[in-house]
C-alpha atoms as a PDB file:
ATOM      1  CA  MET A   1       0.000   0.000   0.000  1.00  0.00           C
ATOM      2  CA  SER A   2       1.306   3.447  -0.922  1.00  0.00           C
ATOM      3  CA  ASP A   3       2.368   5.944   1.720  1.00  0.00           C
ATOM      4  CA  LEU A   4       0.958   8.676  -0.530  1.00  0.00           C
ATOM      5  CA  THR A   5      -2.673   9.663  -0.131  1.00  0.00           C
ATOM      6  CA  ILE A   6      -4.196  12.490  -2.143  1.00  0.00           C
ATOM      7  CA  TRP A   7      -7.274  13.962  -0.482  1.00  0.00           C
ATOM      8  CA  THR A   8     -10.144  15.427  -2.481  1.00  0.00           C
ATOM      9  CA  TYR A   9     -13.886  15.984  -2.139  1.00  0.00           C
ATOM     10  CA  ASP A  10     -16.265  13.062  -1.996  1.00  0.00           C
ATOM     11  CA  TRP A  11     -18.423  14.735  -4.677  1.00  0.00           C
ATOM     12  CA  VAL A  12     -18.677  17.926  -6.704  1.00  0.00           C
ATOM     13  CA  PRO A  13     -21.305  19.006  -9.270  1.00  0.00           C
ATOM     14  CA  PRO A  14     -20.548  18.368 -12.957  1.00  0.00           C
ATOM     15  CA  GLY A  15     -19.124  21.812 -13.745  1.00  0.00           C
ATOM     16  CA  PRO A  16     -15.870  21.598 -11.734  1.00  0.00           C
ATOM     17  CA  ARG A  17     -15.164  17.968 -12.591  1.00  0.00           C
ATOM     18  CA  GLY A  18     -11.875  17.571 -14.390  1.00  0.00           C
ATOM     19  CA  PHE A  19     -10.603  20.795 -12.817  1.00  0.00           C
ATOM     20  CA  VAL A  20     -10.571  20.097  -9.061  1.00  0.00           C
ATOM     21  CA  ARG A  21      -6.949  20.547  -8.061  1.00  0.00           C
ATOM     22  CA  ASP A  22      -6.344  17.067  -6.749  1.00  0.00           C
ATOM     23  CA  LEU A  23      -5.871  16.401 -10.468  1.00  0.00           C
ATOM     24  CA  ARG A  24      -2.525  18.211 -10.292  1.00  0.00           C
ATOM     25  CA  LEU A  25      -1.249  15.758  -7.708  1.00  0.00           C
ATOM     26  CA  ARG A  26      -2.704  12.755  -9.513  1.00  0.00           C
ATOM     27  CA  TRP A  27      -1.008  13.927 -12.721  1.00  0.00           C
ATOM     28  CA  ALA A  28       2.352  14.375 -11.002  1.00  0.00           C
ATOM     29  CA  CYS A  29       2.169  10.893  -9.491  1.00  0.00           C
ATOM     30  CA  GLU A  30       1.247   9.378 -12.847  1.00  0.00           C
ATOM     31  CA  GLU A  31       4.158  11.127 -14.583  1.00  0.00           C
ATOM     32  CA  ALA A  32       6.611  10.008 -11.903  1.00  0.00           C
ATOM     33  CA  GLY A  33       5.246   6.487 -11.503  1.00  0.00           C
ATOM     34  CA  LEU A  34       4.417   7.066  -7.823  1.00  0.00           C
ATOM     35  CA  ALA A  35       1.748   4.830  -6.338  1.00  0.00           C
ATOM     36  CA  TYR A  36      -0.959   6.688  -4.433  1.00  0.00           C
ATOM     37  CA  ALA A  37      -4.332   6.274  -2.802  1.00  0.00           C
ATOM     38  CA  VAL A  38      -7.212   8.750  -2.845  1.00  0.00           C
ATOM     39  CA  GLY A  39      -9.007   9.850   0.307  1.00  0.00           C
ATOM     40  CA  THR A  40     -12.127  11.972   0.508  1.00  0.00           C
ATOM     41  CA  VAL A  41     -13.651  14.670   2.663  1.00  0.00           C
ATOM     42  CA  ALA A  42     -17.239  15.871   2.523  1.00  0.00           C
ATOM     43  CA  SER A  43     -17.885  18.728   0.105  1.00  0.00           C
ATOM     44  CA  ASP A  44     -21.361  19.597   1.396  1.00  0.00           C
ATOM     45  CA  ASP A  45     -20.695  19.714   5.139  1.00  0.00           C
ATOM     46  CA  ARG A  46     -17.068  20.479   5.913  1.00  0.00           C
ATOM     47  CA  GLN A  47     -16.137  19.229   9.330  1.00  0.00           C
ATOM     48  CA  ALA A  48     -13.610  20.441  11.890  1.00  0.00           C
ATOM     49  CA  ALA A  49     -11.231  17.631  10.886  1.00  0.00           C
ATOM     50  CA  HIS A  50     -11.098  19.061   7.363  1.00  0.00           C
ATOM     51  CA  PHE A  51     -10.151  22.513   8.614  1.00  0.00           C
ATOM     52  CA  GLU A  52      -7.491  20.994  10.828  1.00  0.00           C
ATOM     53  CA  ARG A  53      -5.853  19.560   7.721  1.00  0.00           C
ATOM     54  CA  GLN A  54      -6.572  22.475   5.375  1.00  0.00           C
ATOM     55  CA  PRO A  55      -7.246  25.735   7.237  1.00  0.00           C
ATOM     56  CA  PHE A  56      -9.291  27.157   4.342  1.00  0.00           C
ATOM     57  CA  GLY A  57     -11.472  24.067   3.892  1.00  0.00           C
ATOM     58  CA  GLN A  58     -10.108  23.390   0.415  1.00  0.00           C
ATOM     59  CA  VAL A  59      -8.609  20.441  -1.437  1.00  0.00           C
ATOM     60  CA  PRO A  60      -6.255  18.876  -2.207  1.00  0.00           C
ATOM     61  CA  PHE A  61      -4.064  17.971   0.687  1.00  0.00           C
ATOM     62  CA  LEU A  62      -1.473  15.240   0.794  1.00  0.00           C
ATOM     63  CA  ASP A  63      -0.259  12.565   3.189  1.00  0.00           C
ATOM     64  CA  ASP A  64       3.171  11.046   2.700  1.00  0.00           C
ATOM     65  CA  GLY A  65       3.491   8.680   5.634  1.00  0.00           C
ATOM     66  CA  GLU A  66       3.671  10.895   8.699  1.00  0.00           C
ATOM     67  CA  LEU A  67       4.221  14.040   6.603  1.00  0.00           C
ATOM     68  CA  LYS A  68       1.078  16.062   5.930  1.00  0.00           C
ATOM     69  CA  LEU A  69       0.859  18.958   3.478  1.00  0.00           C
ATOM     70  CA  PHE A  70      -1.804  21.302   2.171  1.00  0.00           C
ATOM     71  CA  GLU A  71      -1.820  23.637  -0.862  1.00  0.00           C
ATOM     72  CA  SER A  72      -1.435  22.088  -4.296  1.00  0.00           C
ATOM     73  CA  GLY A  73       1.772  24.000  -5.059  1.00  0.00           C
ATOM     74  CA  ALA A  74       3.524  22.812  -1.900  1.00  0.00           C
ATOM     75  CA  ALA A  75       2.327  19.245  -2.455  1.00  0.00           C
ATOM     76  CA  LEU A  76       3.477  19.328  -6.086  1.00  0.00           C
ATOM     77  CA  LEU A  77       6.962  20.448  -5.112  1.00  0.00           C
ATOM     78  CA  HIS A  78       7.131  17.707  -2.508  1.00  0.00           C
ATOM     79  CA  LEU A  79       6.174  15.101  -5.104  1.00  0.00           C
ATOM     80  CA  ALA A  80       8.566  16.615  -7.654  1.00  0.00           C
ATOM     81  CA  ARG A  81      11.506  16.059  -5.326  1.00  0.00           C
ATOM     82  CA  LYS A  82      10.796  12.336  -5.492  1.00  0.00           C
ATOM     83  CA  SER A  83      11.504  12.050  -9.232  1.00  0.00           C
ATOM     84  CA  GLU A  84      13.824  13.609 -11.789  1.00  0.00           C
ATOM     85  CA  VAL A  85      10.966  13.234 -14.258  1.00  0.00           C
ATOM     86  CA  LEU A  86       9.420  16.240 -12.523  1.00  0.00           C
ATOM     87  CA  LEU A  87      12.418  18.113 -11.123  1.00  0.00           C
ATOM     88  CA  PRO A  88      15.958  18.064 -12.542  1.00  0.00           C
ATOM     89  CA  ALA A  89      18.717  17.078 -10.140  1.00  0.00           C
ATOM     90  CA  ASP A  90      21.255  19.623 -11.397  1.00  0.00           C
ATOM     91  CA  PRO A  91      21.148  22.951  -9.539  1.00  0.00           C
ATOM     92  CA  ALA A  92      20.567  25.098 -12.628  1.00  0.00           C
ATOM     93  CA  GLY A  93      17.737  22.923 -13.908  1.00  0.00           C
ATOM     94  CA  GLU A  94      16.153  22.742 -10.472  1.00  0.00           C
ATOM     95  CA  ALA A  95      16.335  26.504  -9.979  1.00  0.00           C
ATOM     96  CA  GLU A  96      14.800  27.218 -13.383  1.00  0.00           C
ATOM     97  CA  THR A  97      12.025  24.711 -12.735  1.00  0.00           C
ATOM     98  CA  LEU A  98      11.222  26.198  -9.333  1.00  0.00           C
ATOM     99  CA  GLN A  99      11.217  29.683 -10.836  1.00  0.00           C
ATOM    100  CA  TRP A 100       8.573  28.764 -13.415  1.00  0.00           C
ATOM    101  CA  THR A 101       6.551  26.682 -10.965  1.00  0.00           C
ATOM    102  CA  ILE A 102       6.230  29.665  -8.643  1.00  0.00           C
ATOM    103  CA  SER A 103       5.469  31.974 -11.556  1.00  0.00           C
ATOM    104  CA  ALA A 104       2.551  29.747 -12.602  1.00  0.00           C
ATOM    105  CA  LEU A 105       1.048  30.318  -9.153  1.00  0.00           C
ATOM    106  CA  ASN A 106       2.091  33.901  -8.429  1.00  0.00           C
ATOM    107  CA  SER A 107       2.151  35.602 -11.824  1.00  0.00           C
ATOM    108  CA  VAL A 108      -0.515  33.722 -13.784  1.00  0.00           C
ATOM    109  CA  GLU A 109      -2.974  31.900 -11.533  1.00  0.00           C
ATOM    110  CA  MET A 110      -3.272  34.862  -9.182  1.00  0.00           C
ATOM    111  CA  VAL A 111      -4.895  36.668 -12.140  1.00  0.00           C
ATOM    112  CA  THR A 112      -6.771  33.839 -13.833  1.00  0.00           C
ATOM    113  CA  VAL A 113      -8.676  32.661 -10.761  1.00  0.00           C
ATOM    114  CA  PRO A 114     -10.221  35.991  -9.673  1.00  0.00           C
ATOM    115  CA  TRP A 115     -10.924  36.849 -13.321  1.00  0.00           C
ATOM    116  CA  TRP A 116     -12.693  33.510 -13.781  1.00  0.00           C
ATOM    117  CA  PHE A 117     -14.826  34.008 -10.657  1.00  0.00           C
ATOM    118  CA  LEU A 118     -15.892  37.457 -11.844  1.00  0.00           C
ATOM    119  CA  ASN A 119     -16.604  36.025 -15.294  1.00  0.00           C
ATOM    120  CA  ILE A 120     -18.921  33.280 -14.039  1.00  0.00           C
ATOM    121  CA  SER A 121     -20.583  35.848 -11.779  1.00  0.00           C
ATOM    122  CA  GLY A 122     -21.766  37.691 -14.882  1.00  0.00           C
ATOM    123  CA  ASP A 123     -19.025  40.274 -15.376  1.00  0.00           C
ATOM    124  CA  PRO A 124     -16.906  38.984 -18.308  1.00  0.00           C
ATOM    125  CA  GLN A 125     -15.432  42.405 -19.091  1.00  0.00           C
ATOM    126  CA  ASN A 126     -14.329  43.020 -15.535  1.00  0.00           C
ATOM    127  CA  GLY A 127     -11.446  45.162 -14.384  1.00  0.00           C
ATOM    128  CA  LEU A 128      -9.039  42.203 -14.451  1.00  0.00           C
ATOM    129  CA  THR A 129      -9.445  41.515 -18.170  1.00  0.00           C
ATOM    130  CA  GLY A 130      -6.610  43.824 -19.211  1.00  0.00           C
ATOM    131  CA  TRP A 131      -4.296  42.336 -16.591  1.00  0.00           C
ATOM    132  CA  LEU A 132      -5.176  38.803 -17.677  1.00  0.00           C
ATOM    133  CA  THR A 133      -4.601  39.671 -21.330  1.00  0.00           C
ATOM    134  CA  SER A 134      -1.175  41.079 -20.512  1.00  0.00           C
ATOM    135  CA  ARG A 135      -0.186  37.957 -18.598  1.00  0.00           C
ATOM    136  CA  LEU A 136      -1.343  35.715 -21.450  1.00  0.00           C
ATOM    137  CA  ASP A 137       0.587  37.799 -23.974  1.00  0.00           C
ATOM    138  CA  HIS A 138       3.781  37.457 -21.940  1.00  0.00           C
ATOM    139  CA  ILE A 139       3.368  33.672 -21.690  1.00  0.00           C
ATOM    140  CA  GLU A 140       2.735  33.495 -25.430  1.00  0.00           C
ATOM    141  CA  ALA A 141       6.003  35.331 -26.052  1.00  0.00           C
ATOM    142  CA  VAL A 142       7.888  32.819 -23.898  1.00  0.00           C
ATOM    143  CA  LEU A 143       6.233  29.764 -25.423  1.00  0.00           C
ATOM    144  CA  SER A 144       6.819  30.999 -28.952  1.00  0.00           C
ATOM    145  CA  ARG A 145      10.562  30.653 -28.277  1.00  0.00           C
ATOM    146  CA  ARG A 146      10.671  27.326 -26.413  1.00  0.00           C
ATOM    147  CA  GLU A 147       8.867  24.016 -26.206  1.00  0.00           C
ATOM    148  CA  TRP A 148       9.166  23.682 -22.414  1.00  0.00           C
ATOM    149  CA  LEU A 149       9.459  26.257 -19.655  1.00  0.00           C
ATOM    150  CA  ALA A 150      12.555  24.933 -17.882  1.00  0.00           C
ATOM    151  CA  ALA A 151      15.583  22.688 -18.355  1.00  0.00           C
ATOM    152  CA  GLY A 152      14.771  22.036 -22.014  1.00  0.00           C
ATOM    153  CA  ARG A 153      12.246  19.313 -21.139  1.00  0.00           C
ATOM    154  CA  PHE A 154       8.986  18.534 -19.367  1.00  0.00           C
ATOM    155  CA  THR A 155       9.034  19.359 -15.648  1.00  0.00           C
ATOM    156  CA  VAL A 156       6.548  20.035 -12.872  1.00  0.00           C
ATOM    157  CA  ALA A 157       6.588  23.679 -14.026  1.00  0.00           C
ATOM    158  CA  ASP A 158       4.922  22.657 -17.300  1.00  0.00           C
ATOM    159  CA  LEU A 159       2.432  20.468 -15.462  1.00  0.00           C
ATOM    160  CA  LEU A 160       1.335  23.361 -13.284  1.00  0.00           C
ATOM    161  CA  MET A 161       1.365  26.049 -15.975  1.00  0.00           C
ATOM    162  CA  ALA A 162      -0.662  23.866 -18.325  1.00  0.00           C
ATOM    163  CA  ASP A 163      -3.191  23.168 -15.599  1.00  0.00           C
ATOM    164  CA  VAL A 164      -3.553  26.895 -14.952  1.00  0.00           C
ATOM    165  CA  LEU A 165      -3.950  27.679 -18.658  1.00  0.00           C
ATOM    166  CA  ARG A 166      -6.174  24.802 -19.781  1.00  0.00           C
ATOM    167  CA  ILE A 167      -9.461  26.488 -18.764  1.00  0.00           C
ATOM    168  CA  PRO A 168     -10.835  27.493 -22.195  1.00  0.00           C
ATOM    169  CA  GLN A 169     -12.454  30.741 -21.015  1.00  0.00           C
ATOM    170  CA  VAL A 170      -9.112  31.978 -19.694  1.00  0.00           C
ATOM    171  CA  ARG A 171      -7.436  31.675 -23.105  1.00  0.00           C
ATOM    172  CA  ARG A 172     -10.128  33.249 -25.249  1.00  0.00           C
ATOM    173  CA  PHE A 173      -8.639  36.747 -25.509  1.00  0.00           C
ATOM    174  CA  GLY A 174      -6.729  36.976 -28.781  1.00  0.00           C
ATOM    175  CA  GLU A 175      -4.838  34.525 -30.968  1.00  0.00           C
ATOM    176  CA  ARG A 176      -1.990  32.766 -29.171  1.00  0.00           C
ATOM    177  CA  PRO A 177      -0.940  29.764 -31.231  1.00  0.00           C
ATOM    178  CA  ALA A 178       2.093  28.878 -29.126  1.00  0.00           C
ATOM    179  CA  THR A 179      -0.010  28.745 -25.960  1.00  0.00           C
ATOM    180  CA  GLU A 180      -2.689  26.679 -27.669  1.00  0.00           C
ATOM    181  CA  ALA A 181      -0.090  24.204 -28.929  1.00  0.00           C
ATOM    182  CA  TYR A 182       1.504  24.052 -25.481  1.00  0.00           C
ATOM    183  CA  VAL A 183      -1.760  23.294 -23.684  1.00  0.00           C
ATOM    184  CA  ALA A 184      -2.725  20.711 -26.315  1.00  0.00           C
ATOM    185  CA  ARG A 185       0.678  19.020 -26.056  1.00  0.00           C
ATOM    186  CA  LEU A 186       0.589  18.844 -22.263  1.00  0.00           C
ATOM    187  CA  THR A 187      -2.998  17.653 -21.962  1.00  0.00           C
ATOM    188  CA  ALA A 188      -2.375  14.948 -24.569  1.00  0.00           C
ATOM    189  CA  ARG A 189       0.183  13.293 -22.299  1.00  0.00           C
ATOM    190  CA  PRO A 190      -0.973   9.840 -21.128  1.00  0.00           C
ATOM    191  CA  ALA A 191      -0.374  10.741 -17.480  1.00  0.00           C
ATOM    192  CA  PHE A 192      -2.722  13.728 -17.711  1.00  0.00           C
ATOM    193  CA  GLN A 193      -5.335  11.713 -19.565  1.00  0.00           C
ATOM    194  CA  LYS A 194      -5.297   9.005 -16.900  1.00  0.00           C
ATOM    195  CA  ALA A 195      -5.367  11.467 -14.009  1.00  0.00           C
ATOM    196  CA  ARG A 196      -8.334  13.306 -15.510  1.00  0.00           C
ATOM    197  CA  ALA A 197     -10.209  10.101 -16.336  1.00  0.00           C
ATOM    198  CA  ASP A 198      -9.665   8.822 -12.804  1.00  0.00           C
ATOM    199  CA  GLN A 199     -10.954  12.045 -11.284  1.00  0.00           C
ATOM    200  CA  LEU A 200     -14.043  12.019 -13.500  1.00  0.00           C
ATOM    201  CA  ALA A 201     -14.684   8.380 -12.595  1.00  0.00           C
ATOM    202  CA  HIS A 202     -14.300   9.196  -8.904  1.00  0.00           C
ATOM    203  CA  PHE A 203     -17.010  11.847  -8.988  1.00  0.00           C
ATOM    204  CA  ALA A 204     -19.242   9.812 -11.315  1.00  0.00           C
ATOM    205  CA  ALA A 205     -19.152   6.930  -8.843  1.00  0.00           C
ATOM    206  CA  ALA A 206     -20.214   9.363  -6.125  1.00  0.00           C
ATOM    207  CA  ASP A 207     -23.316  10.253  -8.154  1.00  0.00           C
ATOM    208  CA  ALA A 208     -24.587   6.720  -7.765  1.00  0.00           C
ATOM    209  CA  ALA A 209     -23.955   6.792  -4.032  1.00  0.00           C
ATOM    210  CA  ARG A 210     -25.969  10.017  -3.700  1.00  0.00           C
ATOM    211  CA  ALA A 211     -28.894   8.807  -5.828  1.00  0.00           C
END
C-alpha cells in the first residue's frame, strides 16, 4: 500500500469535474510512476477535521506517511523532489524549474482565478481583463521561443502552468498559437489523460452513491 494519499472531495457538481486541483497531484504521481491512494472529505458539510488539515477548507491535501501537506503548489513540489521526471537534479535545472513553478502560481494563476470568478458571476469584461490579457501575452512570447518552460524538457513547471492555462475561457482573448499548442501538447500526455479520467470516474461513482 502506498504511503501517498491524495485527499479530495467526496463529490462535486458536474461543472468543476476535471478541474478540481487534486488532479494536479494525480497527474504528477502518474508522470513520476508514484503509487498513491485517494481519500475523501465531505464537500457539502465540511467538518472540523477538514479545517485541521486544510485551514481554508479546500482540497487537495497530501499525506506522505507521517508528513502532511496542504496547498497544491507545496504538495506538487514535494512530489517533484521524489523524481527527476518532474524536477531536474542539477542545480541550474532545479532553480529554473522552481522559478517557473512559482510563476505559474504567483504571476498567472493569481490573475486567472479571480478573473474567472468574476466572469462566471456575470461580469466577463471586468477590471481584471486587461491584466489577464497582458499575462497571457507574456506567456505566449515565452512559449513561442521554447517548447518547455525549464531545463529544455517537461518538468513540474509545465504540469502546473498547463493546468492553470487549460481552462478554455481563460485563453479566449486573442490569438496565441504557441499557448494553444503548449496546452494541447501537455494535456495529450498519457499521465494527464489518466489522471483526468480517474478524477471524472471518482465523482461519477459518487453520483450513484448520492442517488
